[in-house]
Amino acid sequence: MTFEVELKARLRQPEAVEKQIAGLGAFVGEIYKEDVYFKRQGDTALIPTDRYRLRREGPKAVVTFKQMVTADNVEVNDEVEFEVSDVYAFFRFTDRFGFEPFVVKRKKSRVYRIGRANIELNEVEHLGHFVEIEILCDHEADIPAAQTELTRLLGALGLTEADLEPRRYLALIQQAHPVQYRFINDPTLDWPFEEVA
């Protein structure tokens, strides 16, 4: 079991924060991620309990299910992932068994590494700029030390607790861009869904 320990903060000056990060760590690369979140059809909760994500990153598509373990300004998730080789078949499967897309998140990231921490400078469609600082732990007993390390890194970047964004991107996107999606049963489409007014 892997525990993802993470802080997310809004950035008012992304260039200044990136300069701080570059002085402390190593640049890893740039990533573009497109996520489609699924819920059970008819679930009207802002953050449905039964949900999962399909992420497309380059040629790869990965399904992720996360269960929050604790939340005290630091997000801790028990995470399960598996790769999907046929995205269209996966969409058909989810539609057939009563799941529907409800949020799409598109995120451009500049990734750095500081020690064991992964740092992402993100520009999220409809939301703006954020930094995510993440440490993966193999054992639950390691979580408190990871939380302390994340808080220390936040300060080293010139950010404070006031900059933290405890809400999930799911909730923020639904507030900023409230639309619905539907599956399109067409195998010729690269990403078979569309926004519905």
Protein backbone atom coordinates (compact mmCIF):
# COMPACT_ATOMS: atom_id res chain seq x y z
CA MET A 1 0.00 0.00 0.00
CA THR A 2 1.30 3.45 -0.94
CA PHE A 3 0.22 6.61 0.86
CA GLU A 4 0.34 9.85 -1.09
CA VAL A 5 1.02 12.80 1.26
CA GLU A 6 0.41 16.10 -0.46
CA LEU A 7 0.08 19.86 -0.02
CA LYS A 8 -1.54 22.10 -2.63
CA ALA A 9 -1.20 25.90 -2.62
CA ARG A 10 -2.45 28.63 -4.90
CA LEU A 11 0.23 30.72 -6.57
CA ARG A 12 -0.04 34.45 -7.05
CA GLN A 13 3.52 34.66 -8.44
CA PRO A 14 4.27 31.34 -10.17
CA GLU A 15 7.53 32.58 -11.74
CA ALA A 16 8.97 33.65 -8.37
CA VAL A 17 8.04 30.31 -6.77
CA GLU A 18 9.58 28.39 -9.66
CA LYS A 19 12.81 30.33 -9.18
CA GLN A 20 12.86 29.22 -5.52
CA ILE A 21 12.17 25.61 -6.50
CA ALA A 22 14.88 25.63 -9.18
CA GLY A 23 17.39 26.82 -6.58
CA LEU A 24 16.55 23.91 -4.27
CA GLY A 25 16.04 20.98 -6.61
CA ALA A 26 16.36 19.46 -10.06
CA PHE A 27 14.06 20.02 -13.03
CA VAL A 28 12.50 16.72 -14.17
CA GLY A 29 10.39 17.82 -17.14
CA GLU A 30 7.04 19.06 -18.40
CA ILE A 31 3.85 17.02 -18.39
CA TYR A 32 0.36 17.55 -19.77
CA LYS A 33 -2.38 15.52 -18.07
CA GLU A 34 -6.03 15.19 -19.03
CA ASP A 35 -8.22 13.58 -16.38
CA VAL A 36 -11.82 12.42 -16.68
CA TYR A 37 -13.55 11.73 -13.36
CA PHE A 38 -16.42 9.25 -13.23
CA LYS A 39 -19.30 8.89 -10.77
CA ARG A 40 -22.33 6.64 -10.54
CA GLN A 41 -25.12 7.87 -12.82
CA GLY A 42 -27.57 10.00 -10.87
CA ASP A 43 -25.17 10.83 -7.99
CA THR A 44 -25.61 14.56 -7.34
CA ALA A 45 -22.93 15.00 -4.64
CA LEU A 46 -20.27 17.61 -5.42
CA ILE A 47 -17.57 15.06 -4.50
CA PRO A 48 -19.17 11.62 -4.98
CA THR A 49 -17.93 8.82 -2.73
CA ASP A 50 -17.94 6.30 -5.58
CA ARG A 51 -15.64 7.94 -8.11
CA TYR A 52 -12.47 7.21 -10.02
CA ARG A 53 -10.27 8.91 -12.55
CA LEU A 54 -9.02 8.03 -16.02
CA ARG A 55 -5.83 9.97 -16.77
CA ARG A 56 -4.36 10.39 -20.22
CA GLU A 57 -0.72 11.38 -20.20
CA GLY A 58 0.97 11.08 -23.56
CA PRO A 59 0.15 7.65 -25.04
CA LYS A 60 -0.66 6.13 -21.65
CA ALA A 61 -4.06 5.93 -19.90
CA VAL A 62 -4.25 5.05 -16.19
CA VAL A 63 -7.25 4.50 -13.91
CA THR A 64 -6.82 5.73 -10.34
CA PHE A 65 -8.96 5.24 -7.26
CA LYS A 66 -8.03 7.22 -4.15
CA GLN A 67 -9.44 7.02 -0.68
CA MET A 68 -8.59 9.88 1.66
CA VAL A 69 -7.14 8.56 4.92
CA THR A 70 -6.71 11.87 6.77
CA ALA A 71 -7.06 15.54 5.96
CA ASP A 72 -5.44 18.15 8.18
CA ASN A 73 -4.30 20.72 5.60
CA VAL A 74 -2.17 17.85 4.29
CA GLU A 75 -3.91 15.40 1.99
CA VAL A 76 -3.17 11.72 2.57
CA ASN A 77 -4.53 9.16 0.11
CA ASP A 78 -4.55 5.39 -0.14
CA GLU A 79 -4.10 5.06 -3.90
CA VAL A 80 -4.74 2.22 -6.37
CA GLU A 81 -3.78 2.49 -10.06
CA PHE A 82 -3.84 0.32 -13.18
CA GLU A 83 -3.17 0.96 -16.85
CA VAL A 84 -5.85 0.76 -19.56
CA SER A 85 -4.77 -0.33 -23.04
CA ASP A 86 -8.08 0.45 -24.83
CA VAL A 87 -9.58 3.77 -23.72
CA TYR A 88 -12.67 3.47 -25.91
CA ALA A 89 -13.46 0.00 -24.46
CA PHE A 90 -13.01 1.41 -20.97
CA PHE A 91 -15.49 4.23 -21.71
CA ARG A 92 -17.99 1.67 -23.03
CA PHE A 93 -17.48 -0.46 -19.92
CA THR A 94 -18.06 2.46 -17.54
CA ASP A 95 -21.14 3.60 -19.45
CA ARG A 96 -22.60 0.08 -19.53
CA PHE A 97 -22.13 -0.40 -15.79
CA GLY A 98 -23.67 2.89 -14.74
CA PHE A 99 -20.82 5.37 -14.45
CA GLU A 100 -20.63 8.71 -16.22
CA PRO A 101 -18.00 11.44 -16.60
CA PHE A 102 -18.66 14.47 -14.38
CA VAL A 103 -15.44 16.54 -14.33
CA VAL A 104 -12.61 16.99 -16.80
CA LYS A 105 -9.34 18.39 -15.49
CA ARG A 106 -6.58 19.54 -17.82
CA LYS A 107 -3.28 20.37 -16.19
CA LYS A 108 0.10 21.56 -17.54
CA SER A 109 2.90 20.83 -15.09
CA ARG A 110 6.55 21.70 -14.68
CA VAL A 111 7.99 19.00 -12.43
CA TYR A 112 10.92 19.29 -10.03
CA ARG A 113 12.47 16.96 -7.47
CA ILE A 114 13.71 18.17 -4.06
CA GLY A 115 15.05 15.25 -2.03
CA ARG A 116 12.26 12.70 -1.88
CA ALA A 117 9.57 15.30 -2.64
CA ASN A 118 7.98 15.67 -6.05
CA ILE A 119 7.08 19.30 -6.83
CA GLU A 120 4.62 20.23 -9.58
CA LEU A 121 4.03 23.78 -10.76
CA ASN A 122 0.60 23.46 -12.31
CA GLU A 123 -1.55 25.55 -14.58
CA VAL A 124 -5.04 24.08 -14.29
CA GLU A 125 -7.65 24.92 -16.94
CA HIS A 126 -10.40 27.18 -15.51
CA LEU A 127 -8.52 27.60 -12.18
CA GLY A 128 -5.06 29.15 -12.62
CA HIS A 129 -1.71 28.36 -11.01
CA PHE A 130 -0.94 25.99 -8.13
CA VAL A 131 2.01 24.16 -6.61
CA GLU A 132 1.66 20.59 -5.38
CA ILE A 133 4.29 19.08 -3.11
CA GLU A 134 4.03 15.30 -2.74
CA ILE A 135 5.85 12.56 -0.87
CA LEU A 136 4.97 8.87 -1.29
CA CYS A 137 5.14 6.69 1.84
CA ASP A 138 5.12 2.90 1.92
CA HIS A 139 4.06 2.75 5.58
CA GLU A 140 1.38 4.68 7.47
CA ALA A 141 3.88 5.29 10.31
CA ASP A 142 5.97 7.44 7.89
CA ILE A 143 3.14 9.93 7.25
CA PRO A 144 3.85 12.37 10.16
CA ALA A 145 7.49 12.83 9.08
CA ALA A 146 6.34 13.41 5.49
CA GLN A 147 3.80 16.01 6.67
CA THR A 148 6.55 17.86 8.58
CA GLU A 149 8.80 17.78 5.52
CA LEU A 150 6.04 19.16 3.28
CA THR A 151 5.37 22.04 5.68
CA ARG A 152 9.11 22.84 5.77
CA LEU A 153 9.29 22.85 1.96
CA LEU A 154 6.25 25.11 1.75
CA GLY A 155 8.07 27.69 3.88
CA ALA A 156 11.27 27.30 1.85
CA LEU A 157 9.27 28.30 -1.25
CA GLY A 158 8.11 31.51 0.45
CA LEU A 159 4.56 30.24 0.93
CA THR A 160 2.49 30.11 4.11
CA GLU A 161 -0.55 28.23 5.41
CA ALA A 162 -2.70 31.09 4.06
CA ASP A 163 -1.70 30.00 0.54
CA LEU A 164 -2.86 26.40 1.03
CA GLU A 165 -5.88 25.21 -0.95
CA PRO A 166 -7.49 22.35 0.97
CA ARG A 167 -10.34 21.86 -1.51
CA ARG A 168 -9.98 19.21 -4.21
CA TYR A 169 -9.62 20.29 -7.82
CA LEU A 170 -12.90 18.42 -8.44
CA ALA A 171 -14.86 20.89 -6.30
CA LEU A 172 -13.00 23.93 -7.62
CA ILE A 173 -13.57 22.98 -11.27
CA GLN A 174 -17.26 22.27 -10.73
CA GLN A 175 -17.66 25.75 -9.22
CA ALA A 176 -15.62 27.49 -11.92
CA HIS A 177 -16.88 25.47 -14.93
CA PRO A 178 -20.22 23.80 -14.09
CA VAL A 179 -21.02 21.61 -17.10
CA GLN A 180 -22.16 18.05 -17.67
CA TYR A 181 -20.61 15.40 -19.92
CA ARG A 182 -21.93 12.48 -21.89
CA PHE A 183 -20.34 9.43 -23.45
CA ILE A 184 -20.39 9.18 -27.27
CA ASN A 185 -20.45 5.62 -28.57
CA ASP A 186 -18.11 6.24 -31.50
CA PRO A 187 -14.86 4.21 -31.72
CA THR A 188 -13.35 6.70 -34.18
CA LEU A 189 -13.16 9.41 -31.50
CA ASP A 190 -9.90 9.83 -29.64
CA TRP A 191 -11.64 10.85 -26.39
CA PRO A 192 -15.31 9.79 -26.70
CA PHE A 193 -17.29 12.27 -24.61
CA GLU A 194 -18.59 15.81 -24.95
CA GLU A 195 -19.79 18.69 -22.82
CA VAL A 196 -23.54 19.08 -22.53
CA ALA A 197 -25.09 22.51 -21.87
